[in-house]
N, C-alpha and C. Protein backbone atom coordinates (compact mmCIF):
# COMPACT_ATOMS: atom_id res chain seq x y z
N MET A 1 168.59 83.18 95.93
CA MET A 1 168.90 84.41 96.29
C MET A 1 170.40 84.56 97.46
N GLY A 2 170.50 85.97 97.25
CA GLY A 2 171.72 85.99 98.28
C GLY A 2 172.88 85.46 98.02
N ALA A 3 173.41 84.31 97.16
CA ALA A 3 174.69 83.69 96.96
C ALA A 3 175.71 84.31 97.91
N ASN A 4 175.54 86.19 97.48
CA ASN A 4 176.91 87.08 97.22
C ASN A 4 176.23 87.83 98.02
N VAL A 5 175.29 87.72 98.15
CA VAL A 5 175.25 89.18 99.13
C VAL A 5 175.19 88.54 100.72
N GLN A 6 176.27 88.72 101.36
CA GLN A 6 176.19 87.63 103.20
C GLN A 6 175.58 88.00 104.47
N ASN A 7 174.99 87.86 105.21
CA ASN A 7 175.33 88.10 106.46
C ASN A 7 175.62 87.27 107.76
N SER A 8 176.47 87.30 107.70
CA SER A 8 177.24 86.24 107.94
C SER A 8 177.57 86.69 109.61
N ASN A 9 178.18 86.44 110.15
CA ASN A 9 179.11 86.22 111.80
C ASN A 9 179.42 88.40 111.32
N ALA A 10 179.72 88.46 110.72
CA ALA A 10 180.15 89.79 110.56
C ALA A 10 179.01 91.11 110.05
N ARG A 11 177.95 89.68 110.83
CA ARG A 11 176.55 91.31 110.07
C ARG A 11 176.48 92.23 109.61
N GLU A 12 177.40 91.70 108.58
CA GLU A 12 176.81 93.26 106.84
C GLU A 12 176.66 92.60 105.40
N PHE A 13 175.98 92.87 104.91
CA PHE A 13 176.10 93.12 104.09
C PHE A 13 176.87 93.04 102.82
N VAL A 14 176.95 93.10 101.60
CA VAL A 14 177.84 93.02 100.29
C VAL A 14 177.38 92.92 99.70
N LEU A 15 178.51 94.33 98.94
CA LEU A 15 177.67 94.88 97.48
C LEU A 15 177.91 93.06 96.45
N PHE A 16 176.81 91.98 95.94
CA PHE A 16 176.73 91.30 95.31
C PHE A 16 177.42 90.95 94.43
N LYS A 17 178.76 90.42 93.62
CA LYS A 17 179.46 91.05 91.93
C LYS A 17 178.65 89.85 90.32
N LEU A 18 178.43 91.04 90.50
CA LEU A 18 177.60 90.76 87.98
C LEU A 18 177.87 89.81 87.56
N PRO A 19 178.12 88.23 87.15
CA PRO A 19 178.65 87.30 86.16
C PRO A 19 178.63 88.18 84.79
N TYR A 20 179.09 89.82 84.84
CA TYR A 20 179.73 90.18 83.44
C TYR A 20 179.76 91.23 83.93
N GLU A 21 180.93 92.24 82.88
CA GLU A 21 181.65 93.21 83.03
C GLU A 21 180.37 93.96 83.23
N ASN A 22 180.75 95.48 83.44
CA ASN A 22 179.93 95.92 83.47
C ASN A 22 179.58 96.91 81.44
N ASN A 23 180.95 96.90 80.62
CA ASN A 23 180.28 97.07 79.53
C ASN A 23 179.42 96.54 79.19
N ALA A 24 179.60 94.93 79.54
CA ALA A 24 179.08 93.69 78.72
C ALA A 24 177.30 93.02 78.27
N LEU A 25 176.47 94.53 78.55
CA LEU A 25 175.04 94.54 78.26
C LEU A 25 174.95 95.83 76.28
N GLU A 26 175.79 96.14 76.73
CA GLU A 26 175.52 97.94 76.11
C GLU A 26 175.52 96.83 74.83
N PRO A 27 174.34 97.57 73.35
CA PRO A 27 173.95 99.37 73.51
C PRO A 27 172.39 98.60 74.95
N VAL A 28 172.25 97.96 74.67
CA VAL A 28 170.94 98.09 75.61
C VAL A 28 170.75 98.91 76.92
N ILE A 29 171.52 98.51 78.59
CA ILE A 29 171.74 98.92 79.65
C ILE A 29 174.46 98.97 79.79
N SER A 30 174.18 100.97 79.38
CA SER A 30 175.44 101.36 78.76
C SER A 30 176.24 100.97 79.78
N LYS A 31 178.28 101.11 80.54
CA LYS A 31 178.17 100.98 80.82
C LYS A 31 178.20 101.79 82.36
N GLN A 32 177.57 103.14 81.23
CA GLN A 32 177.56 104.59 82.39
C GLN A 32 175.94 104.62 83.73
N THR A 33 175.15 103.01 83.09
CA THR A 33 174.73 103.24 83.82
C THR A 33 174.57 102.13 85.46
N ILE A 34 175.89 100.97 85.04
CA ILE A 34 175.97 100.09 85.15
C ILE A 34 176.75 100.39 86.83
N ASP A 35 177.23 101.54 86.22
CA ASP A 35 178.49 101.93 87.29
C ASP A 35 177.68 102.57 88.37
N PHE A 36 176.11 103.67 87.69
CA PHE A 36 175.78 104.50 88.30
C PHE A 36 174.55 103.00 89.17
N HIS A 37 174.29 103.13 88.73
CA HIS A 37 172.53 102.28 89.06
C HIS A 37 173.00 100.98 90.06
N TYR A 38 173.74 100.41 89.63
CA TYR A 38 174.93 98.71 89.92
C TYR A 38 175.56 99.94 91.40
N GLY A 39 175.91 100.60 90.62
CA GLY A 39 178.07 100.53 91.50
C GLY A 39 177.50 101.61 92.92
N LYS A 40 176.87 102.63 92.52
CA LYS A 40 175.63 103.91 93.79
C LYS A 40 175.48 103.34 94.16
N HIS A 41 173.74 103.23 93.36
CA HIS A 41 172.34 102.98 93.80
C HIS A 41 172.11 101.60 94.73
N VAL A 42 172.45 100.70 94.46
CA VAL A 42 172.37 99.56 95.17
C VAL A 42 174.14 99.80 96.67
N GLN A 43 174.51 100.13 96.12
CA GLN A 43 175.45 99.89 97.55
C GLN A 43 174.98 100.52 98.24
N ALA A 44 174.27 101.92 98.24
CA ALA A 44 173.83 102.30 99.31
C ALA A 44 172.43 102.15 99.69
N TYR A 45 171.79 101.36 98.78
CA TYR A 45 170.72 100.45 100.08
C TYR A 45 171.09 99.40 100.93
N ILE A 46 172.98 99.16 100.00
CA ILE A 46 173.28 98.24 101.18
C ILE A 46 173.90 99.01 102.47
N ASN A 47 175.26 100.27 102.42
CA ASN A 47 174.80 100.80 103.30
C ASN A 47 173.88 101.27 104.21
N ASN A 48 172.59 100.95 103.50
CA ASN A 48 171.46 101.82 104.18
C ASN A 48 171.35 100.69 105.23
N LEU A 49 170.40 99.05 104.62
CA LEU A 49 170.30 98.39 104.96
C LEU A 49 170.77 97.70 106.50
N ASN A 50 172.95 98.11 106.09
CA ASN A 50 173.22 97.55 107.52
C ASN A 50 173.71 98.85 108.36
N ASN A 51 173.34 99.26 108.34
CA ASN A 51 173.42 101.09 109.47
C ASN A 51 171.85 100.65 110.25
N LEU A 52 169.98 100.36 109.28
CA LEU A 52 168.85 99.90 109.78
C LEU A 52 168.73 98.11 111.00
N ILE A 53 170.10 97.60 110.48
CA ILE A 53 169.26 96.20 111.40
C ILE A 53 170.10 96.26 112.13
N LYS A 54 171.42 96.79 112.77
CA LYS A 54 171.93 97.01 113.97
C LYS A 54 171.13 96.92 114.25
N GLY A 55 171.34 96.01 116.15
CA GLY A 55 170.44 95.85 117.11
C GLY A 55 168.83 95.83 117.44
N THR A 56 168.59 95.25 115.69
CA THR A 56 167.46 94.76 115.46
C THR A 56 167.42 93.25 115.82
N SER A 57 166.23 92.82 115.36
CA SER A 57 166.08 91.31 114.72
C SER A 57 166.18 90.94 113.93
N PHE A 58 166.70 91.57 113.05
CA PHE A 58 167.11 91.78 111.79
C PHE A 58 168.84 91.31 111.42
N GLU A 59 168.63 91.50 112.22
CA GLU A 59 171.05 92.07 112.27
C GLU A 59 171.44 89.94 111.81
N ASN A 60 170.81 89.30 112.18
CA ASN A 60 171.16 87.91 112.00
C ASN A 60 170.41 87.08 110.70
N SER A 61 169.13 88.73 109.98
CA SER A 61 169.30 87.17 109.41
C SER A 61 169.21 87.85 107.79
N SER A 62 168.19 86.59 106.60
CA SER A 62 169.10 86.60 106.23
C SER A 62 168.03 87.70 104.44
N LEU A 63 168.31 87.96 103.16
CA LEU A 63 167.89 89.04 103.07
C LEU A 63 166.31 88.63 102.95
N GLU A 64 166.45 87.15 101.83
CA GLU A 64 165.16 87.23 101.48
C GLU A 64 163.29 86.86 103.03
N ASP A 65 164.21 86.75 104.45
CA ASP A 65 163.37 87.15 105.77
C ASP A 65 163.26 88.11 105.26
N ILE A 66 164.08 88.94 105.42
CA ILE A 66 163.91 90.09 105.78
C ILE A 66 162.88 90.67 105.17
N VAL A 67 162.63 90.87 103.79
CA VAL A 67 162.05 90.84 102.11
C VAL A 67 160.55 90.88 103.06
N LYS A 68 160.14 89.33 103.58
CA LYS A 68 158.88 88.83 104.07
C LYS A 68 159.00 89.42 105.44
N LYS A 69 159.44 89.95 105.96
CA LYS A 69 159.72 90.21 107.28
C LYS A 69 159.30 91.56 108.30
N SER A 70 160.18 92.79 106.74
CA SER A 70 159.79 93.60 107.85
C SER A 70 159.34 94.65 107.35
N ASP A 71 159.15 96.03 107.49
CA ASP A 71 158.60 96.90 107.06
C ASP A 71 159.46 98.63 106.71
N GLY A 72 158.96 98.79 107.42
CA GLY A 72 159.77 100.93 106.83
C GLY A 72 160.91 100.69 106.24
N GLY A 73 161.83 101.00 106.49
CA GLY A 73 163.35 101.87 105.87
C GLY A 73 163.89 100.47 105.94
N ILE A 74 163.26 99.36 106.95
CA ILE A 74 164.36 97.60 106.83
C ILE A 74 163.89 97.74 105.79
N PHE A 75 162.61 97.53 105.66
CA PHE A 75 162.46 96.26 103.65
C PHE A 75 162.80 97.20 102.68
N ASN A 76 162.89 98.99 102.76
CA ASN A 76 162.37 99.19 101.40
C ASN A 76 163.99 99.09 100.84
N ASN A 77 164.94 99.00 101.63
CA ASN A 77 166.23 99.15 101.37
C ASN A 77 166.83 97.63 101.15
N GLY A 78 165.95 96.60 102.16
CA GLY A 78 167.16 95.36 102.17
C GLY A 78 165.69 94.28 101.16
N ALA A 79 164.66 94.72 100.49
CA ALA A 79 163.62 94.79 99.49
C ALA A 79 165.20 95.07 98.06
N GLN A 80 165.56 96.39 98.47
CA GLN A 80 165.92 96.98 96.78
C GLN A 80 167.24 96.11 96.55
N VAL A 81 167.26 95.52 98.39
CA VAL A 81 168.92 94.79 97.80
C VAL A 81 168.85 93.85 97.23
N TRP A 82 167.72 93.46 97.61
CA TRP A 82 167.41 91.24 96.90
C TRP A 82 166.73 91.61 95.99
N ASN A 83 166.03 93.00 95.21
CA ASN A 83 165.67 92.72 93.63
C ASN A 83 166.31 93.35 92.79
N HIS A 84 167.80 93.97 93.55
CA HIS A 84 168.84 94.73 91.32
C HIS A 84 169.39 93.04 91.90
N GLU A 85 169.65 92.54 93.62
CA GLU A 85 170.72 91.14 92.70
C GLU A 85 169.88 90.80 91.93
N PHE A 86 169.13 89.84 91.61
CA PHE A 86 167.81 88.97 91.39
C PHE A 86 167.39 90.17 89.60
N TYR A 87 167.75 90.91 89.19
CA TYR A 87 167.40 91.59 88.22
C TYR A 87 168.67 91.56 87.24
N PHE A 88 170.33 92.48 88.21
CA PHE A 88 171.06 91.87 87.02
C PHE A 88 171.52 90.81 86.35
N ASN A 89 171.55 89.63 87.64
CA ASN A 89 171.36 88.51 87.08
C ASN A 89 170.30 87.48 86.90
N THR A 90 169.88 88.76 86.38
CA THR A 90 168.61 87.66 84.87
C THR A 90 168.68 88.51 83.34
N PHE A 91 170.35 88.66 83.17
CA PHE A 91 170.54 89.33 82.16
C PHE A 91 171.66 88.26 81.70
N SER A 92 172.30 88.66 80.53
CA SER A 92 173.96 88.13 79.73
C SER A 92 173.73 88.75 78.70
N PRO A 93 175.20 89.01 77.95
CA PRO A 93 174.71 89.79 76.92
C PRO A 93 174.94 89.10 75.54
N ASN A 94 174.70 87.08 76.48
CA ASN A 94 174.12 85.95 75.11
C ASN A 94 172.81 86.19 74.89
N GLY A 95 172.28 86.78 75.71
CA GLY A 95 170.47 86.40 75.61
C GLY A 95 169.71 86.54 75.44
N GLY A 96 167.91 86.93 74.96
CA GLY A 96 166.94 86.37 74.01
C GLY A 96 166.68 85.91 73.79
N GLY A 97 165.39 85.80 73.05
CA GLY A 97 165.07 84.22 72.09
C GLY A 97 164.03 84.40 73.08
N GLU A 98 163.81 83.16 73.52
CA GLU A 98 162.22 82.35 74.13
C GLU A 98 162.74 81.60 75.10
N PRO A 99 162.18 81.46 76.49
CA PRO A 99 161.75 79.80 77.08
C PRO A 99 162.16 78.73 76.37
N SER A 100 162.09 78.04 76.79
CA SER A 100 161.85 76.46 76.35
C SER A 100 160.90 75.35 77.96
N GLY A 101 161.18 74.97 77.61
CA GLY A 101 160.24 74.33 78.44
C GLY A 101 159.26 74.05 78.84
N ALA A 102 159.06 73.69 80.21
CA ALA A 102 157.95 73.68 81.23
C ALA A 102 157.60 75.33 81.95
N LEU A 103 158.75 76.35 82.05
CA LEU A 103 157.95 77.37 81.96
C LEU A 103 157.75 78.24 80.46
N ALA A 104 158.52 78.07 79.25
CA ALA A 104 157.33 78.19 77.41
C ALA A 104 155.70 77.49 77.65
N GLU A 105 155.64 76.23 77.97
CA GLU A 105 154.51 75.53 78.00
C GLU A 105 153.88 76.47 78.30
N ALA A 106 154.09 76.64 80.03
CA ALA A 106 152.92 77.71 81.17
C ALA A 106 152.74 78.74 80.26
N ILE A 107 153.59 79.72 79.66
CA ILE A 107 153.09 80.70 78.68
C ILE A 107 152.87 80.93 77.73
N ARG A 108 153.05 79.77 76.97
CA ARG A 108 151.56 79.33 75.89
C ARG A 108 149.76 78.90 76.49
N ASN A 109 150.10 77.77 77.73
CA ASN A 109 149.01 77.92 77.79
C ASN A 109 147.84 79.23 78.91
N GLN A 110 149.05 79.50 79.22
CA GLN A 110 147.68 80.79 79.69
C GLN A 110 148.00 82.55 79.49
N PHE A 111 148.84 82.85 78.26
CA PHE A 111 148.97 84.12 77.85
C PHE A 111 148.85 83.60 75.28
N GLY A 112 148.81 82.35 75.74
CA GLY A 112 148.79 81.78 74.55
C GLY A 112 149.98 82.06 73.31
N SER A 113 150.50 83.13 73.72
CA SER A 113 151.82 82.92 73.25
C SER A 113 152.74 83.62 73.85
N PHE A 114 154.12 83.71 73.24
CA PHE A 114 154.65 84.00 74.01
C PHE A 114 154.82 86.23 73.58
N GLU A 115 154.37 86.02 72.08
CA GLU A 115 154.87 87.75 72.17
C GLU A 115 152.68 88.51 72.91
N ASN A 116 151.86 87.43 72.82
CA ASN A 116 151.12 87.81 73.75
C ASN A 116 151.84 88.07 75.53
N PHE A 117 152.23 87.23 75.35
CA PHE A 117 152.83 87.32 77.08
C PHE A 117 154.52 88.41 76.89
N LYS A 118 154.55 88.67 76.25
CA LYS A 118 155.50 89.63 75.85
C LYS A 118 154.39 91.52 76.01
N LYS A 119 153.73 91.31 75.06
CA LYS A 119 153.18 92.37 75.02
C LYS A 119 152.36 92.76 76.30
N GLU A 120 151.96 92.07 77.88
CA GLU A 120 151.33 91.85 78.55
C GLU A 120 152.40 92.34 79.78
N PHE A 121 153.30 91.47 79.65
CA PHE A 121 154.70 92.79 80.03
C PHE A 121 154.74 93.51 79.63
N ASN A 122 155.19 94.55 79.10
CA ASN A 122 155.08 95.25 78.82
C ASN A 122 154.24 96.35 79.46
N ALA A 123 152.84 95.65 79.06
CA ALA A 123 152.15 97.11 79.47
C ALA A 123 152.35 96.82 80.54
N ALA A 124 152.29 96.18 81.78
CA ALA A 124 152.58 96.20 83.09
C ALA A 124 154.17 97.99 83.51
N SER A 125 154.59 96.85 82.47
CA SER A 125 156.33 98.04 83.37
C SER A 125 155.69 99.11 82.59
N VAL A 126 155.00 99.59 81.44
CA VAL A 126 154.96 100.62 80.74
C VAL A 126 153.72 101.40 81.80
N SER A 127 152.67 101.08 82.05
CA SER A 127 152.23 102.27 82.74
C SER A 127 152.41 101.92 84.07
N LEU A 128 153.18 101.11 85.06
CA LEU A 128 153.33 101.64 85.95
C LEU A 128 153.30 103.09 86.93
N PHE A 129 152.42 104.18 87.64
CA PHE A 129 152.58 104.99 88.04
C PHE A 129 154.11 104.54 89.15
N GLY A 130 154.44 106.52 88.74
CA GLY A 130 156.41 106.10 88.87
C GLY A 130 157.01 105.24 89.62
N SER A 131 157.70 105.01 90.45
CA SER A 131 159.30 103.85 90.73
C SER A 131 158.45 103.38 90.59
N GLY A 132 159.44 101.66 90.83
CA GLY A 132 158.65 100.54 90.68
C GLY A 132 158.95 98.94 90.27
N TRP A 133 158.79 98.39 89.99
CA TRP A 133 158.82 97.11 89.58
C TRP A 133 158.03 96.92 88.86
N ALA A 134 158.36 96.48 87.68
CA ALA A 134 157.09 95.36 87.53
C ALA A 134 157.94 93.07 87.31
N TRP A 135 156.50 92.76 87.38
CA TRP A 135 157.36 91.34 88.06
C TRP A 135 156.48 90.19 87.46
N VAL A 136 157.08 89.26 87.14
CA VAL A 136 156.35 88.20 86.84
C VAL A 136 156.10 87.05 87.48
N SER A 137 155.91 86.14 88.35
CA SER A 137 155.93 85.04 89.27
C SER A 137 154.84 83.82 89.30
N LYS A 138 155.63 83.05 90.08
CA LYS A 138 154.62 82.35 90.01
C LYS A 138 154.26 82.07 91.42
N ASP A 139 152.41 81.40 91.04
CA ASP A 139 151.90 80.95 92.71
C ASP A 139 152.34 79.83 93.55
N GLU A 140 151.46 78.81 94.68
CA GLU A 140 151.82 77.55 95.39
C GLU A 140 151.49 77.07 93.95
N SER A 141 150.46 77.45 92.92
CA SER A 141 149.95 76.13 92.26
C SER A 141 150.47 76.03 90.44
N GLY A 142 151.59 77.30 90.35
CA GLY A 142 152.42 77.45 89.74
C GLY A 142 151.53 77.90 88.65
N LYS A 143 150.59 78.34 89.18
CA LYS A 143 150.40 79.55 87.97
C LYS A 143 151.03 80.70 87.62
N LEU A 144 151.21 81.69 86.27
CA LEU A 144 152.06 83.21 86.21
C LEU A 144 151.31 83.59 85.95
N VAL A 145 151.80 84.25 87.72
CA VAL A 145 151.03 86.09 87.57
C VAL A 145 151.88 87.17 87.92
N ILE A 146 151.20 88.51 86.57
CA ILE A 146 152.03 88.87 86.59
C ILE A 146 151.86 90.48 87.14
N THR A 147 152.13 91.15 87.88
CA THR A 147 151.77 92.06 89.01
C THR A 147 152.95 93.10 88.81
N LYS A 148 152.08 94.64 89.60
CA LYS A 148 152.84 95.98 89.94
C LYS A 148 153.41 96.72 90.85
N GLU A 149 154.73 96.80 91.13
CA GLU A 149 154.50 96.73 92.71
C GLU A 149 155.54 98.42 92.53
N SER A 150 154.46 99.18 93.83
CA SER A 150 155.75 100.64 93.34
C SER A 150 156.24 100.79 94.33
N ASN A 151 157.71 101.28 93.89
CA ASN A 151 158.93 101.63 94.96
C ASN A 151 159.91 100.61 94.97
N ALA A 152 160.20 99.93 96.50
CA ALA A 152 160.50 98.71 96.41
C ALA A 152 159.39 97.36 96.73
N GLY A 153 158.10 97.11 95.91
CA GLY A 153 157.29 96.49 96.77
C GLY A 153 157.98 94.98 95.42
N ASN A 154 158.04 93.30 95.89
CA ASN A 154 158.89 92.19 96.30
C ASN A 154 157.74 91.52 95.58
N PRO A 155 157.37 90.60 94.83
CA PRO A 155 156.44 89.27 95.35
C PRO A 155 156.07 88.63 96.45
N LEU A 156 156.99 88.55 97.40
CA LEU A 156 158.31 87.33 97.92
C LEU A 156 157.34 88.10 99.39
N LYS A 157 156.10 89.37 99.34
CA LYS A 157 155.34 89.63 101.00
C LYS A 157 154.02 88.74 100.31
N SER A 158 153.61 88.43 99.56
CA SER A 158 152.28 87.65 98.98
C SER A 158 152.56 86.61 98.88
N GLY A 159 153.78 86.01 98.44
CA GLY A 159 153.73 84.10 99.07
C GLY A 159 154.32 84.00 97.42
N LEU A 160 154.22 85.03 96.51
CA LEU A 160 154.74 84.46 95.45
C LEU A 160 156.81 84.18 94.96
N THR A 161 156.78 83.16 93.79
CA THR A 161 157.54 82.72 93.91
C THR A 161 158.30 84.11 92.36
N PRO A 162 159.34 84.94 92.58
CA PRO A 162 159.47 85.60 91.24
C PRO A 162 160.27 84.94 90.07
N LEU A 163 159.93 85.72 89.30
CA LEU A 163 160.31 84.53 87.89
C LEU A 163 161.16 85.64 87.26
N LEU A 164 160.59 86.73 86.89
CA LEU A 164 161.58 88.01 85.55
C LEU A 164 160.72 89.00 86.54
N GLY A 165 161.51 90.12 86.90
CA GLY A 165 161.87 92.22 86.90
C GLY A 165 162.21 92.31 86.19
N PHE A 166 161.74 93.98 86.10
CA PHE A 166 161.42 94.54 85.44
C PHE A 166 161.89 95.90 86.39
N ASP A 167 163.27 96.71 86.18
CA ASP A 167 162.36 97.58 87.72
C ASP A 167 162.91 99.15 86.16
N VAL A 168 161.59 99.76 87.23
CA VAL A 168 161.24 101.04 85.73
C VAL A 168 160.70 102.30 86.78
N TRP A 169 162.07 101.75 88.23
CA TRP A 169 162.59 103.28 88.62
C TRP A 169 163.52 104.43 87.77
N GLU A 170 163.39 105.86 87.11
CA GLU A 170 164.32 105.67 86.46
C GLU A 170 165.10 105.84 85.89
N HIS A 171 165.95 105.24 87.25
CA HIS A 171 167.57 105.89 87.90
C HIS A 171 168.83 103.77 86.68
N SER A 172 166.85 103.46 86.63
CA SER A 172 167.53 103.01 85.68
C SER A 172 167.44 102.14 84.23
N TYR A 173 167.04 103.16 83.87
CA TYR A 173 167.15 103.73 82.52
C TYR A 173 167.69 104.98 81.41
N TYR A 174 167.15 106.35 82.26
CA TYR A 174 167.52 107.31 82.60
C TYR A 174 168.93 108.28 81.24
N LEU A 175 169.86 107.59 81.99
CA LEU A 175 171.24 107.91 81.63
C LEU A 175 170.93 107.60 79.82
N ASP A 176 170.58 106.26 79.62
CA ASP A 176 170.85 105.76 78.83
C ASP A 176 169.37 106.31 76.71
N TYR A 177 167.89 106.44 77.46
CA TYR A 177 167.02 106.77 77.35
C TYR A 177 165.43 107.44 77.50
N GLN A 178 166.28 108.67 78.71
CA GLN A 178 165.90 109.38 78.52
C GLN A 178 164.44 109.37 79.58
N ASN A 179 163.50 109.81 78.92
CA ASN A 179 161.95 109.46 79.14
C ASN A 179 161.39 108.27 78.85
N ARG A 180 162.43 108.28 77.76
CA ARG A 180 161.10 106.89 77.12
C ARG A 180 161.19 105.07 77.41
N ARG A 181 160.59 105.26 78.29
CA ARG A 181 160.05 103.68 78.76
C ARG A 181 160.03 103.34 78.30
N ALA A 182 159.76 102.69 77.76
CA ALA A 182 159.01 101.72 76.90
C ALA A 182 160.25 100.90 75.91
N ASP A 183 160.89 101.89 75.54
CA ASP A 183 162.30 101.89 74.22
C ASP A 183 163.06 101.24 75.15
N HIS A 184 163.10 100.68 76.22
CA HIS A 184 164.03 100.44 77.35
C HIS A 184 163.53 98.95 77.93
N ILE A 185 162.68 99.11 78.18
CA ILE A 185 161.44 97.80 78.51
C ILE A 185 161.60 97.02 76.88
N ASN A 186 161.74 97.75 76.08
CA ASN A 186 161.90 96.52 74.58
C ASN A 186 162.98 96.04 74.50
N ALA A 187 163.88 96.92 75.03
CA ALA A 187 165.26 96.57 74.36
C ALA A 187 165.62 95.36 75.87
N LEU A 188 165.23 95.39 76.72
CA LEU A 188 165.64 94.55 77.87
C LEU A 188 165.44 93.07 77.54
N TRP A 189 163.92 92.11 76.24
CA TRP A 189 164.54 91.09 76.80
C TRP A 189 165.52 90.74 75.45
N ASP A 190 166.49 91.01 74.95
CA ASP A 190 166.81 90.77 74.31
C ASP A 190 168.58 90.75 74.68
N ILE A 191 168.43 90.68 75.57
CA ILE A 191 169.42 89.89 76.82
C ILE A 191 168.64 89.09 78.29
N ILE A 192 167.62 88.71 78.14
CA ILE A 192 167.58 88.40 79.38
C ILE A 192 167.71 86.53 79.29
N ASN A 193 168.37 86.75 80.58
CA ASN A 193 169.09 84.59 79.81
C ASN A 193 168.36 83.61 80.69
N TRP A 194 166.97 84.06 79.84
CA TRP A 194 166.52 82.40 80.42
C TRP A 194 166.26 81.21 80.55
N LYS A 195 168.00 81.05 80.36
CA LYS A 195 167.69 79.11 81.15
C LYS A 195 167.92 80.31 83.13
N VAL A 196 168.37 80.65 82.74
CA VAL A 196 168.04 81.71 85.02
C VAL A 196 166.41 81.59 84.85
N VAL A 197 165.66 82.23 84.40
CA VAL A 197 163.98 81.56 84.82
C VAL A 197 163.92 80.68 84.71
N GLU A 198 164.13 80.32 83.74
CA GLU A 198 163.06 79.25 84.24
C GLU A 198 164.05 77.99 84.55
N LYS A 199 164.88 78.24 86.05
CA LYS A 199 165.59 77.18 86.55
C LYS A 199 164.98 78.24 87.78
N ARG A 200 164.36 79.30 88.28
CA ARG A 200 163.51 79.59 89.18
C ARG A 200 162.44 79.16 88.96
N PHE A 201 161.45 78.62 87.72
CA PHE A 201 160.46 78.39 87.70
C PHE A 201 159.81 77.11 88.09
N LYS A 202 160.85 76.64 88.06
CA LYS A 202 161.13 74.88 88.10
C LYS A 202 160.42 74.50 89.97
């Protein structure tokens, strides 16, 4: 993570590039949502983060270190930048289907089937109260863990390795789905780039 978000000599994070065009994920995620969610919301988090880290011990830190070690406003904005780069890089207009290899095996071993895994992750995503994120991570032993995090919550704080994250803040889906969060969550499976998720699992 953080390949496109840099904090080098300029001491300033910049908006990461999307690996697809703003309209490429339609109809699952509309161009309008990408324009606002990525173009406006994420840019605002980056601007806030750059302002907040000036003159602090985090002004030359990596984004991952900020997520792991900070709190308050620096954490909230830093984690949202990290979360969103992770989130948007999970998708592809040619996504969908099921994972393969070691990740598929881990899912079968723990959940019995990919469908059972989807049901559990959907339930976590839909049932999270208010704004936040649902995550699939692996722990140090390689076990898969599904967690719900409010607001900017990130599994890195708990020593986990995130594999897949669904943004359930209303701004991620309201233009396209209004209050139908479950419909949004169900549709996201059609654009997941499992090669990216499998690489995170290794």
